[in-house]
């Protein structure tokens, strides 16, 4: 600790002299603050002011007396201290500086107001999530170098003015497939931090599939130890212990993301079928599977043990998950007859409700009867048949909420171009403009706008094995999906957005995020 303190003091002296800790003269920093119109997602209302606020070594982060505000304040201090080198004490006394304030107002559960001027910056919200989202905006108003983990030269200016911001939709999600390839707790945490920067509030974890079962279930232990022992291509796979899963949930909650776990059924179940022979109609366990085909597996809808299995899995997973939702999959059940599919969903949806959760399913759930309050996640294409779209729209008119994940718009595993080295192309090629340039409220013909709960960007992992590969496929498309979920429709304009998106590149570089330099975006020169 002593040596670390001396290094920090030395770095501060060098910065004060205009020299970097490596001995080189640092690149000049912009002397004007980042304008409000560079923020992604676009704020609902913004009024620029004349004079900025400057963070200095005397700046304090002032919070009200609540533990929630203090936690957000400590998070903010943790972001700013490494790059500024400032102490930035978090206190509930004094005036000026950066203030985080919980106060009733027209903010909803996630909105906030940010006021900035020479005397300080104040973020006001009715709930802690709003304070946290306001902090993400403040972060983007600071120079990108604020993201680095070593002391950087300032100045640390925040543009003057006011922002008032509330989300368009309550569901702004990202799905990570940990079944095709397994990702560690630390890799999931890294993605959570990247999602939080753009005000994503749902992390959908795809925990089971043909290639791997990724969550420990005490009453069916071979699901994880055997069913989770492989992955696409035959690698070692892996699974989360219950402690691992709780840590993911805890970390996501600290970034105001709700974890939505998915156990896909009755199809996409080969890992479970291989683990327990009795789950198969013929009582014979198939071999583990490491390919990428879909639609060949099915739980046995006519066996009572199937529902004992589902009950146990949902009971244990619901107990680990404080969030409201539990996803039961339901897609591509090609080896399940329609009659069996309907019967299966009639048995399974009440089990979810019994353990206090709300059903989410892929939109094929609308081929059965969705439970009251259920959500259907639409992953069809622009070219999906009118009949299938109408079936989903009819369910929406009947009270089923819709989360939009059109595969040829927001599936982040789709290739950008034919030359993209990662990803798939079955839904088409999805460049950055295509992923951004659509309106969720008008996307599904016949579905009332009031039924659209929000948007979600799935990332399937057939071709992905490392964090840098996740990032390359998610960035720069993910921020656009986040903007579709957060920003008012009136702000939606590709020509303006691509300029704001380009301004994010320096921040991603500072964070070490790999990304695709789409020729559609006017990236700054190196």
Protein backbone atom coordinates (compact mmCIF):
# COMPACT_ATOMS: atom_id res chain seq x y z
CA UNK A 1 0.00 0.00 0.00
CA UNK A 2 2.91 2.33 0.88
CA UNK A 3 4.53 1.82 -2.52
CA UNK A 4 1.21 2.25 -4.32
CA UNK A 5 0.65 5.57 -2.50
CA UNK A 6 4.12 6.79 -3.48
CA UNK A 7 3.49 5.86 -7.12
CA UNK A 8 0.17 7.71 -7.07
CA UNK A 9 1.78 10.83 -5.54
CA UNK A 10 4.54 10.67 -8.13
CA UNK A 11 2.00 10.41 -10.95
CA UNK A 12 0.13 13.42 -9.58
CA UNK A 13 3.34 15.49 -9.50
CA UNK A 14 4.15 14.51 -13.07
CA UNK A 15 0.64 15.35 -14.22
CA UNK A 16 0.90 18.71 -12.47
CA UNK A 17 4.12 19.34 -14.39
CA UNK A 18 2.46 18.34 -17.68
CA UNK A 19 4.38 15.06 -18.00
CA UNK A 20 2.87 11.57 -18.05
CA UNK A 21 3.97 8.85 -15.63
CA UNK A 22 5.85 7.19 -18.52
CA UNK A 23 7.95 10.32 -19.04
CA UNK A 24 6.30 11.32 -22.31
CA UNK A 25 4.46 14.57 -22.82
CA UNK A 26 0.75 13.69 -22.73
CA UNK A 27 -1.54 14.38 -25.62
CA UNK A 28 -3.48 17.62 -25.11
CA UNK A 29 -6.93 17.24 -23.64
CA UNK A 30 -9.93 19.06 -25.06
CA UNK A 31 -10.47 22.34 -23.23
CA UNK A 32 -14.18 22.38 -24.02
CA UNK A 33 -16.55 19.90 -22.36
CA UNK A 34 -18.38 17.07 -24.10
CA UNK A 35 -21.71 18.45 -25.35
CA UNK A 36 -25.01 16.97 -24.25
CA UNK A 37 -25.73 15.82 -27.80
CA UNK A 38 -22.90 13.26 -27.63
CA UNK A 39 -24.67 11.16 -24.97
CA UNK A 40 -25.95 7.67 -25.88
CA UNK A 41 -28.81 6.90 -25.34
CA UNK A 42 -30.07 10.35 -26.29
CA UNK A 43 -31.60 12.13 -23.28
CA UNK A 44 -35.30 12.93 -23.36
CA UNK A 45 -34.80 16.67 -22.74
CA UNK A 46 -31.59 18.69 -22.70
CA UNK A 47 -31.02 22.41 -22.15
CA UNK A 48 -27.38 23.45 -22.59
CA UNK A 49 -25.96 26.13 -20.29
CA UNK A 50 -23.07 28.53 -20.68
CA UNK A 51 -20.58 27.54 -17.99
CA UNK A 52 -19.22 24.08 -17.16
CA UNK A 53 -18.30 22.49 -13.86
CA UNK A 54 -14.70 21.43 -13.30
CA UNK A 55 -13.85 18.42 -11.13
CA UNK A 56 -10.74 19.24 -9.09
CA UNK A 57 -8.78 17.73 -6.23
CA UNK A 58 -11.13 19.60 -3.89
CA UNK A 59 -14.29 18.01 -5.30
CA UNK A 60 -16.46 15.99 -2.92
CA UNK A 61 -19.26 13.59 -3.85
CA UNK A 62 -22.16 14.57 -1.65
CA UNK A 63 -25.04 12.19 -0.98
CA UNK A 64 -28.15 12.35 1.13
CA UNK A 65 -28.45 10.16 4.19
CA UNK A 66 -29.70 7.05 2.38
CA UNK A 67 -27.60 3.92 2.04
CA UNK A 68 -28.73 3.62 -1.59
CA UNK A 69 -27.43 7.05 -2.56
CA UNK A 70 -24.17 6.37 -0.73
CA UNK A 71 -23.69 3.13 -2.69
CA UNK A 72 -24.13 4.98 -5.98
CA UNK A 73 -21.79 7.67 -4.73
CA UNK A 74 -19.11 5.12 -3.87
CA UNK A 75 -19.56 3.56 -7.31
CA UNK A 76 -19.04 6.98 -8.93
CA UNK A 77 -15.98 7.66 -6.81
CA UNK A 78 -14.58 4.27 -7.82
CA UNK A 79 -14.97 5.23 -11.48
CA UNK A 80 -13.34 8.65 -11.16
CA UNK A 81 -10.47 8.15 -8.71
CA UNK A 82 -8.08 6.05 -10.84
CA UNK A 83 -8.00 8.46 -13.80
CA UNK A 84 -8.24 11.79 -11.96
CA UNK A 85 -5.98 10.82 -9.06
CA UNK A 86 -8.30 12.80 -6.77
CA UNK A 87 -9.56 11.60 -3.37
CA UNK A 88 -13.22 12.48 -4.12
CA UNK A 89 -14.51 11.69 -0.62
CA UNK A 90 -18.14 10.58 -0.40
CA UNK A 91 -19.90 12.58 2.31
CA UNK A 92 -23.37 13.62 3.42
CA UNK A 93 -22.22 17.11 4.47
CA UNK A 94 -21.44 20.41 2.80
CA UNK A 95 -22.47 21.92 -0.51
CA UNK A 96 -21.15 22.07 -4.04
CA UNK A 97 -19.19 19.38 -5.83
CA UNK A 98 -21.12 16.44 -7.24
CA UNK A 99 -24.40 15.85 -5.44
CA UNK A 100 -26.58 12.72 -5.64
CA UNK A 101 -30.06 13.38 -4.35
CA UNK A 102 -33.10 11.14 -3.88
CA UNK A 103 -36.21 13.26 -4.12
CA UNK A 104 -39.75 12.67 -5.30
CA UNK A 105 -40.43 14.07 -8.73
CA UNK A 106 -41.56 13.20 -12.26
CA UNK A 107 -38.75 10.70 -12.75
CA UNK A 108 -40.42 7.29 -12.41
CA UNK A 109 -38.38 4.32 -11.23
CA UNK A 110 -35.40 4.97 -13.55
CA UNK A 111 -35.44 8.60 -14.61
CA UNK A 112 -33.29 11.43 -13.32
CA UNK A 113 -32.44 15.10 -13.67
CA UNK A 114 -28.87 16.34 -14.09
CA UNK A 115 -28.06 20.01 -13.44
CA UNK A 116 -24.54 21.30 -14.07
CA UNK A 117 -22.92 24.68 -13.58
CA UNK A 118 -19.79 26.28 -12.16
CA UNK A 119 -20.81 25.49 -8.57
CA UNK A 120 -21.32 21.79 -9.10
CA UNK A 121 -23.32 18.93 -10.61
CA UNK A 122 -26.52 17.64 -9.04
CA UNK A 123 -28.22 14.39 -10.07
CA UNK A 124 -31.75 14.06 -8.70
CA UNK A 125 -33.91 10.93 -8.93
CA UNK A 126 -36.87 9.36 -7.18
CA UNK A 127 -35.17 5.95 -6.93
CA UNK A 128 -31.60 4.65 -6.74
CA UNK A 129 -31.74 3.25 -10.30
CA UNK A 130 -32.33 6.78 -11.56
CA UNK A 131 -29.29 8.07 -9.69
CA UNK A 132 -27.23 5.27 -11.23
CA UNK A 133 -28.43 6.05 -14.75
CA UNK A 134 -27.68 9.71 -14.14
CA UNK A 135 -24.14 8.73 -13.16
CA UNK A 136 -23.75 6.95 -16.52
CA UNK A 137 -24.71 10.18 -18.26
CA UNK A 138 -22.26 12.16 -16.14
CA UNK A 139 -19.60 9.63 -17.08
CA UNK A 140 -20.21 10.22 -20.79
CA UNK A 141 -20.06 13.99 -20.29
CA UNK A 142 -16.49 13.64 -19.02
CA UNK A 143 -13.50 13.06 -21.33
CA UNK A 144 -13.06 9.45 -22.41
CA UNK A 145 -9.76 9.29 -20.50
CA UNK A 146 -11.83 9.16 -17.32
CA UNK A 147 -12.32 5.45 -18.07
CA UNK A 148 -8.61 4.63 -17.78
CA UNK A 149 -7.17 2.93 -14.72
CA UNK A 150 -4.14 5.20 -14.36
CA UNK A 151 -3.81 8.93 -13.62
CA UNK A 152 -4.53 11.08 -16.68
CA UNK A 153 -4.19 14.82 -17.29
CA UNK A 154 -7.36 16.86 -17.13
CA UNK A 155 -9.13 19.14 -17.28
CA UNK A 156 -12.23 17.24 -16.08
CA UNK A 157 -15.01 19.46 -17.37
CA UNK A 158 -18.76 18.74 -17.30
CA UNK A 159 -20.87 20.80 -19.69
CA UNK A 160 -23.22 23.27 -18.06
CA UNK A 161 -26.98 22.95 -18.41
CA UNK A 162 -29.81 20.60 -17.47
CA UNK A 163 -30.98 17.16 -18.58
CA UNK A 164 -34.27 15.54 -17.64
CA UNK A 165 -34.42 11.94 -18.70
CA UNK A 166 -36.81 9.00 -18.39
CA UNK A 167 -36.84 5.75 -20.39
CA UNK A 168 -39.27 5.03 -23.20
CA UNK A 169 -39.55 1.34 -22.24
CA UNK A 170 -39.19 -0.55 -18.99
CA UNK A 171 -37.53 -3.57 -20.63
CA UNK A 172 -34.13 -2.79 -22.12
CA UNK A 173 -32.41 -6.13 -22.26
CA UNK A 174 -29.37 -8.00 -23.44
CA UNK A 175 -29.19 -11.80 -23.61
CA UNK A 176 -25.95 -13.74 -23.23
CA UNK A 177 -25.88 -17.38 -24.35
CA UNK A 178 -23.62 -19.21 -21.91
CA UNK A 179 -24.78 -22.62 -23.11
CA UNK A 180 -23.23 -22.94 -26.59
CA UNK A 181 -19.98 -21.71 -25.05
CA UNK A 182 -19.49 -21.24 -21.33
CA UNK A 183 -18.39 -17.86 -19.96
CA UNK A 184 -16.95 -17.39 -16.50
CA UNK A 185 -18.38 -15.21 -13.75
CA UNK A 186 -15.72 -12.58 -14.43
CA UNK A 187 -16.53 -12.53 -18.14
CA UNK A 188 -20.23 -12.06 -17.37
CA UNK A 189 -19.37 -9.24 -14.95
CA UNK A 190 -17.34 -7.51 -17.63
CA UNK A 191 -20.32 -7.61 -19.98
CA UNK A 192 -22.61 -6.33 -17.20
CA UNK A 193 -20.41 -3.25 -16.78
CA UNK A 194 -20.56 -2.59 -20.51
CA UNK A 195 -24.35 -2.94 -20.51
CA UNK A 196 -24.71 -0.57 -17.55
CA UNK A 197 -22.91 2.23 -19.40
CA UNK A 198 -25.85 2.35 -21.85
CA UNK A 199 -28.64 2.01 -19.25
CA UNK A 200 -29.56 -1.61 -20.10
CA UNK A 201 -31.64 -2.96 -17.20
CA UNK A 202 -32.19 -6.67 -17.96
CA UNK A 203 -29.55 -9.41 -18.28
CA UNK A 204 -31.17 -12.49 -19.83
CA UNK A 205 -28.95 -15.52 -19.23
CA UNK A 206 -29.55 -18.48 -21.54
CA UNK A 207 -28.57 -21.19 -19.04
CA UNK A 208 -29.47 -24.41 -20.83
CA UNK A 209 -29.43 -25.81 -24.33
CA UNK A 210 -28.49 -28.91 -26.28
CA UNK A 211 -24.78 -28.21 -25.85
CA UNK A 212 -24.63 -27.49 -22.14
CA UNK A 213 -26.49 -27.08 -18.84
CA UNK A 214 -24.93 -24.22 -16.89
CA UNK A 215 -26.60 -23.94 -13.46
CA UNK A 216 -26.24 -26.34 -10.53
CA UNK A 217 -29.54 -27.96 -9.48
CA UNK A 218 -29.20 -29.85 -6.20
CA UNK A 219 -32.09 -32.24 -6.85
CA UNK A 220 -30.74 -33.18 -10.32
CA UNK A 221 -26.95 -32.88 -9.90
CA UNK A 222 -25.93 -34.54 -13.19
CA UNK A 223 -27.49 -31.68 -15.13
CA UNK A 224 -24.45 -29.52 -14.33
CA UNK A 225 -21.72 -32.06 -13.69
CA UNK A 226 -22.44 -34.15 -16.80
CA UNK A 227 -24.77 -32.02 -18.95
CA UNK A 228 -22.52 -29.00 -18.41
CA UNK A 229 -19.28 -30.82 -19.17
CA UNK A 230 -18.99 -29.82 -22.82
CA UNK A 231 -19.81 -27.08 -25.32
CA UNK A 232 -19.86 -26.37 -29.06
CA UNK A 233 -16.76 -27.89 -30.60
CA UNK A 234 -16.20 -30.29 -27.73
CA UNK A 235 -14.43 -28.01 -25.25
CA UNK A 236 -14.61 -28.53 -21.48
CA UNK A 237 -17.77 -26.50 -20.89
CA UNK A 238 -18.47 -25.56 -17.31
CA UNK A 239 -21.30 -24.51 -15.02
CA UNK A 240 -22.15 -22.00 -12.33
CA UNK A 241 -22.41 -23.17 -8.76
CA UNK A 242 -25.26 -21.62 -6.84
CA UNK A 243 -22.72 -19.29 -5.22
CA UNK A 244 -21.46 -18.28 -8.69
CA UNK A 245 -24.98 -17.52 -9.85
CA UNK A 246 -25.74 -15.52 -6.71
CA UNK A 247 -22.58 -13.47 -7.35
CA UNK A 248 -23.71 -12.71 -10.91
CA UNK A 249 -27.13 -11.68 -9.59
CA UNK A 250 -25.54 -9.53 -6.86
CA UNK A 251 -23.17 -7.83 -9.27
CA UNK A 252 -25.91 -7.19 -11.83
CA UNK A 253 -28.09 -5.71 -9.09
CA UNK A 254 -25.25 -3.37 -8.07
CA UNK A 255 -25.42 -2.04 -11.65
CA UNK A 256 -29.25 -1.96 -11.57
CA UNK A 257 -29.70 -4.86 -13.96
CA UNK A 258 -32.25 -7.57 -13.23
CA UNK A 259 -31.16 -11.09 -14.13
CA UNK A 260 -33.74 -13.06 -16.14
CA UNK A 261 -32.68 -16.73 -16.16
CA UNK A 262 -33.76 -18.98 -19.01
CA UNK A 263 -34.21 -22.74 -18.97
CA UNK A 264 -35.18 -23.57 -22.54
CA UNK A 265 -37.88 -26.26 -22.92
CA UNK A 266 -39.36 -28.55 -24.17
CA UNK A 267 -36.82 -28.36 -27.03
CA UNK A 268 -33.15 -27.39 -26.82
CA UNK A 269 -32.85 -29.95 -24.02
CA UNK A 270 -30.28 -32.51 -25.14
CA UNK A 271 -27.92 -31.71 -22.24
CA UNK A 272 -30.72 -32.60 -19.80
CA UNK A 273 -31.81 -35.66 -21.79
CA UNK A 274 -28.21 -36.94 -21.86
CA UNK A 275 -27.93 -36.46 -18.10
CA UNK A 276 -31.10 -38.35 -17.12
CA UNK A 277 -32.41 -41.21 -19.26
CA UNK A 278 -35.87 -41.10 -17.62
CA UNK A 279 -36.55 -37.71 -19.22
CA UNK A 280 -36.60 -39.40 -22.64
CA UNK A 281 -39.79 -41.03 -23.89
CA UNK A 282 -37.90 -44.25 -24.68
CA UNK A 283 -35.86 -44.16 -21.46
CA UNK A 284 -32.58 -44.07 -23.39
CA UNK A 285 -30.16 -41.18 -22.83
CA UNK A 286 -28.67 -39.70 -26.01
CA UNK A 287 -24.97 -38.78 -26.16
CA UNK A 288 -23.81 -35.30 -25.27
CA UNK A 289 -23.98 -32.91 -28.20
CA UNK A 290 -21.36 -30.41 -29.38
CA UNK A 291 -22.72 -29.34 -32.78
CA UNK A 292 -24.90 -26.38 -33.72
CA UNK A 293 -28.05 -27.93 -35.23
CA UNK A 294 -31.40 -27.11 -33.61
CA UNK A 295 -34.82 -28.65 -33.25
CA UNK A 296 -33.91 -32.31 -32.67
CA UNK A 297 -34.46 -32.66 -28.89
CA UNK A 298 -37.57 -32.72 -26.71
CA UNK A 299 -38.56 -33.45 -23.16
CA UNK A 300 -41.20 -36.17 -22.99
CA UNK A 301 -44.46 -34.27 -22.56
CA UNK A 302 -46.39 -37.47 -21.72
CA UNK A 303 -44.27 -38.54 -18.71
CA UNK A 304 -45.04 -37.35 -15.21
CA UNK A 305 -41.34 -37.30 -14.30
CA UNK A 306 -40.93 -34.47 -16.81
CA UNK A 307 -43.08 -32.20 -14.66
CA UNK A 308 -41.33 -33.31 -11.45
CA UNK A 309 -38.09 -32.31 -13.17
CA UNK A 310 -39.45 -28.94 -14.32
CA UNK A 311 -40.90 -28.24 -10.87
CA UNK A 312 -37.58 -28.94 -9.15
CA UNK A 313 -35.55 -26.86 -11.60
CA UNK A 314 -37.90 -23.89 -11.47
CA UNK A 315 -38.20 -24.08 -7.68
CA UNK A 316 -34.44 -24.02 -7.16
CA UNK A 317 -33.78 -21.37 -9.81
CA UNK A 318 -36.61 -19.13 -8.57
CA UNK A 319 -35.17 -19.31 -5.06
CA UNK A 320 -31.84 -18.01 -6.39
CA UNK A 321 -33.39 -15.22 -8.47
CA UNK A 322 -34.80 -12.13 -6.75
CA UNK A 323 -36.09 -10.68 -10.01
CA UNK A 324 -39.64 -10.92 -11.24
CA UNK A 325 -39.16 -13.03 -14.38
CA UNK A 326 -38.25 -16.58 -15.37
CA UNK A 327 -37.81 -17.46 -19.04
CA UNK A 328 -38.99 -20.91 -20.17
CA UNK A 329 -37.79 -20.76 -23.77
CA UNK A 330 -40.26 -22.61 -25.96
CA UNK A 331 -38.64 -21.95 -29.34
CA UNK A 332 -37.74 -24.39 -32.12
CA UNK A 333 -39.49 -27.34 -30.47
CA UNK A 334 -39.62 -29.11 -33.84
CA UNK A 335 -39.49 -32.58 -32.28
CA UNK A 336 -42.50 -31.88 -30.06
CA UNK A 337 -45.95 -32.29 -31.60
CA UNK A 338 -48.25 -29.28 -31.42
CA UNK A 339 -50.57 -31.14 -29.08
CA UNK A 340 -47.73 -32.06 -26.76
CA UNK A 341 -46.34 -28.52 -26.88
CA UNK A 342 -49.69 -27.04 -25.84
CA UNK A 343 -50.12 -29.62 -23.08
CA UNK A 344 -46.57 -29.01 -21.86
CA UNK A 345 -47.03 -25.24 -21.63
CA UNK A 346 -50.37 -25.67 -19.85
CA UNK A 347 -48.56 -27.68 -17.16
CA UNK A 348 -45.36 -25.61 -16.93
CA UNK A 349 -46.63 -22.02 -16.82
CA UNK A 350 -48.53 -22.54 -13.54
CA UNK A 351 -45.33 -23.97 -12.01
CA UNK A 352 -43.56 -20.67 -12.73
CA UNK A 353 -46.40 -18.78 -11.05
CA UNK A 354 -46.32 -21.16 -8.06
CA UNK A 355 -42.80 -20.03 -7.29
CA UNK A 356 -43.64 -16.35 -7.58
CA UNK A 357 -42.30 -15.57 -11.04
CA UNK A 358 -43.75 -14.19 -14.27
CA UNK A 359 -43.41 -16.30 -17.41
CA UNK A 360 -41.32 -15.10 -20.32
CA UNK A 361 -41.09 -17.26 -23.42
CA UNK A 362 -39.93 -16.95 -27.01
CA UNK A 363 -42.80 -15.91 -29.24
CA UNK A 364 -43.66 -19.53 -30.12
CA UNK A 365 -45.35 -19.52 -26.71
CA UNK A 366 -48.23 -17.75 -28.45
CA UNK A 367 -48.89 -21.03 -30.31
CA UNK A 368 -50.19 -22.26 -26.94
CA UNK A 369 -52.07 -20.02 -24.50
CA UNK A 370 -49.75 -17.61 -22.70
CA UNK A 371 -50.45 -17.27 -18.99
CA UNK A 372 -52.02 -14.06 -17.76
CA UNK A 373 -49.28 -11.44 -17.52
CA UNK A 374 -46.78 -13.49 -19.54
CA UNK A 375 -44.32 -11.86 -21.94
CA UNK A 376 -43.55 -13.19 -25.42
CA UNK A 377 -40.12 -12.40 -26.87
CA UNK A 378 -40.44 -11.94 -30.62
CA UNK A 379 -37.39 -13.03 -32.60
CA UNK A 380 -38.88 -13.26 -36.09
CA UNK A 381 -37.59 -11.48 -39.16
CA UNK A 382 -38.92 -8.70 -41.34
CA UNK A 383 -39.81 -11.53 -43.73
CA UNK A 384 -41.53 -13.80 -41.19
CA UNK A 385 -44.93 -14.91 -42.46
CA UNK A 386 -47.91 -12.62 -41.92
CA UNK A 387 -49.70 -15.54 -40.25
CA UNK A 388 -47.01 -15.95 -37.58
CA UNK A 389 -46.81 -12.20 -36.97
CA UNK A 390 -50.57 -12.03 -36.63
CA UNK A 391 -50.57 -14.85 -34.06
CA UNK A 392 -48.16 -12.83 -31.90
CA UNK A 393 -50.08 -9.60 -32.49
CA UNK A 394 -53.34 -11.33 -31.50
CA UNK A 395 -51.76 -12.45 -28.24
CA UNK A 396 -50.62 -8.86 -27.69
CA UNK A 397 -54.17 -7.61 -28.23
CA UNK A 398 -55.28 -10.20 -25.68
CA UNK A 399 -52.95 -8.88 -22.98
CA UNK A 400 -49.60 -10.62 -23.59
CA UNK A 401 -46.70 -8.20 -23.37
CA UNK A 402 -44.15 -8.23 -26.20
CA UNK A 403 -40.39 -7.86 -25.97
CA UNK A 404 -38.94 -7.23 -29.43
CA UNK A 405 -35.76 -9.05 -30.53
CA UNK A 406 -36.11 -9.29 -34.32
CA UNK A 407 -33.23 -11.50 -35.40
CA UNK A 408 -32.41 -9.55 -38.55
CA UNK A 409 -32.22 -6.33 -36.54
CA UNK A 410 -30.85 -6.99 -33.05
CA UNK A 411 -29.35 -10.49 -32.91
CA UNK A 412 -25.82 -9.43 -32.07
CA UNK A 413 -24.36 -12.71 -33.32
CA UNK A 414 -25.36 -11.95 -36.89
CA UNK A 415 -22.43 -11.01 -39.12
CA UNK A 416 -22.08 -7.36 -40.05
CA UNK A 417 -20.93 -8.22 -43.57
CA UNK A 418 -20.10 -11.40 -45.43
CA UNK A 419 -16.46 -10.90 -44.41
CA UNK A 420 -17.10 -10.70 -40.65
CA UNK A 421 -14.86 -13.41 -39.13
CA UNK A 422 -17.29 -14.23 -36.29
CA UNK A 423 -21.00 -14.86 -36.12
CA UNK A 424 -23.69 -16.44 -38.28
CA UNK A 425 -25.80 -15.15 -41.16
CA UNK A 426 -28.99 -17.25 -41.21
CA UNK A 427 -31.08 -14.15 -40.41
CA UNK A 428 -29.11 -12.01 -42.84
CA UNK A 429 -26.27 -9.52 -42.56
CA UNK A 430 -26.91 -6.86 -39.93
CA UNK A 431 -24.88 -3.69 -40.27
CA UNK A 432 -25.04 -0.94 -37.67
CA UNK A 433 -27.66 1.18 -39.40
CA UNK A 434 -29.99 -1.78 -39.84
CA UNK A 435 -29.77 -2.65 -36.15
CA UNK A 436 -30.70 0.93 -35.17
CA UNK A 437 -33.05 2.19 -37.86
CA UNK A 438 -36.46 0.80 -36.86
CA UNK A 439 -39.23 1.78 -34.46
CA UNK A 440 -40.28 -0.78 -31.83
CA UNK A 441 -43.75 0.75 -31.50
CA UNK A 442 -44.52 0.25 -35.20
CA UNK A 443 -42.56 -2.93 -35.88
CA UNK A 444 -45.17 -5.69 -35.37
CA UNK A 445 -48.30 -5.14 -37.48
CA UNK A 446 -51.50 -5.35 -35.46
CA UNK A 447 -49.82 -5.25 -32.06
CA UNK A 448 -50.93 -2.27 -29.98
CA UNK A 449 -48.07 0.05 -29.06
CA UNK A 450 -49.10 -0.31 -25.42
CA UNK A 451 -48.27 -4.04 -25.55
CA UNK A 452 -44.61 -3.41 -26.43
CA UNK A 453 -42.68 -3.74 -23.19
CA UNK A 454 -39.32 -3.00 -24.76
CA UNK A 455 -36.39 -4.41 -26.70
CA UNK A 456 -33.66 -6.95 -26.11
CA UNK A 457 -30.45 -7.74 -27.97
CA UNK A 458 -29.60 -11.48 -27.84
CA UNK A 459 -26.04 -12.67 -28.33
CA UNK A 460 -25.81 -16.36 -29.20
CA UNK A 461 -22.41 -17.95 -28.76
CA UNK A 462 -21.96 -20.67 -31.39
CA UNK A 463 -18.86 -18.85 -32.68
CA UNK A 464 -17.84 -16.88 -29.57
CA UNK A 465 -15.42 -18.06 -26.90
CA UNK A 466 -13.74 -14.93 -25.46
CA UNK A 467 -14.73 -11.54 -24.07
CA UNK A 468 -13.11 -9.67 -26.96
CA UNK A 469 -15.28 -11.68 -29.36
CA UNK A 470 -18.42 -10.81 -27.37
CA UNK A 471 -17.43 -7.16 -27.55
CA UNK A 472 -16.67 -7.19 -31.27
CA UNK A 473 -20.15 -8.48 -32.04
CA UNK A 474 -21.94 -6.28 -29.47
CA UNK A 475 -20.17 -3.02 -30.29
CA UNK A 476 -21.21 -0.81 -31.96
CA UNK A 477 -24.71 -2.34 -32.31
CA UNK A 478 -25.60 -2.69 -28.63
CA UNK A 479 -25.69 1.07 -27.86
CA UNK A 480 -28.19 1.55 -30.68
CA UNK A 481 -30.52 -1.09 -29.22
CA UNK A 482 -30.14 0.60 -25.84
CA UNK A 483 -31.16 3.90 -27.42
CA UNK A 484 -34.23 2.31 -29.02
CA UNK A 485 -35.26 1.17 -25.54
CA UNK A 486 -34.46 4.37 -23.66
CA UNK A 487 -34.81 7.45 -25.86
CA UNK A 488 -38.03 9.09 -27.07
CA UNK A 489 -39.04 8.23 -30.62
CA UNK A 490 -38.65 11.94 -31.47
CA UNK A 491 -34.86 11.66 -31.03
CA UNK A 492 -34.54 8.78 -33.48
CA UNK A 493 -32.44 9.92 -36.45
CA UNK A 494 -29.69 7.83 -38.02
CA UNK A 495 -27.68 10.77 -39.36
CA UNK A 496 -27.50 12.38 -35.92
CA UNK A 497 -27.04 9.08 -34.11
CA UNK A 498 -24.08 7.90 -36.16
CA UNK A 499 -22.16 11.04 -35.13
CA UNK A 500 -22.93 10.45 -31.45
CA UNK A 501 -21.99 6.80 -31.87
CA UNK A 502 -18.66 7.71 -33.46
CA UNK A 503 -17.86 9.84 -30.42
CA UNK A 504 -18.09 6.70 -28.23
CA UNK A 505 -15.04 5.11 -29.90
CA UNK A 506 -12.47 6.87 -27.72
CA UNK A 507 -14.32 5.72 -24.60
CA UNK A 508 -14.36 2.10 -25.80
CA UNK A 509 -10.66 2.29 -26.49
CA UNK A 510 -10.03 3.65 -22.99
CA UNK A 511 -12.09 0.78 -21.56
CA UNK A 512 -10.29 -1.82 -23.67
CA UNK A 513 -13.47 -2.76 -25.54
CA UNK A 514 -12.89 -4.36 -28.93
CA UNK A 515 -15.33 -3.13 -31.57
CA UNK A 516 -16.15 -3.26 -35.27
CA UNK A 517 -15.29 -0.08 -37.16
CA UNK A 518 -18.29 -0.03 -39.43
CA UNK A 519 -17.80 2.06 -42.58
CA UNK A 520 -21.31 3.41 -41.97
CA UNK A 521 -20.05 5.39 -38.94
CA UNK A 522 -17.77 8.47 -39.21
CA UNK A 523 -15.22 7.29 -36.65
CA UNK A 524 -12.62 9.84 -35.58
CA UNK A 525 -9.22 9.35 -37.15
CA UNK A 526 -6.59 7.65 -35.00
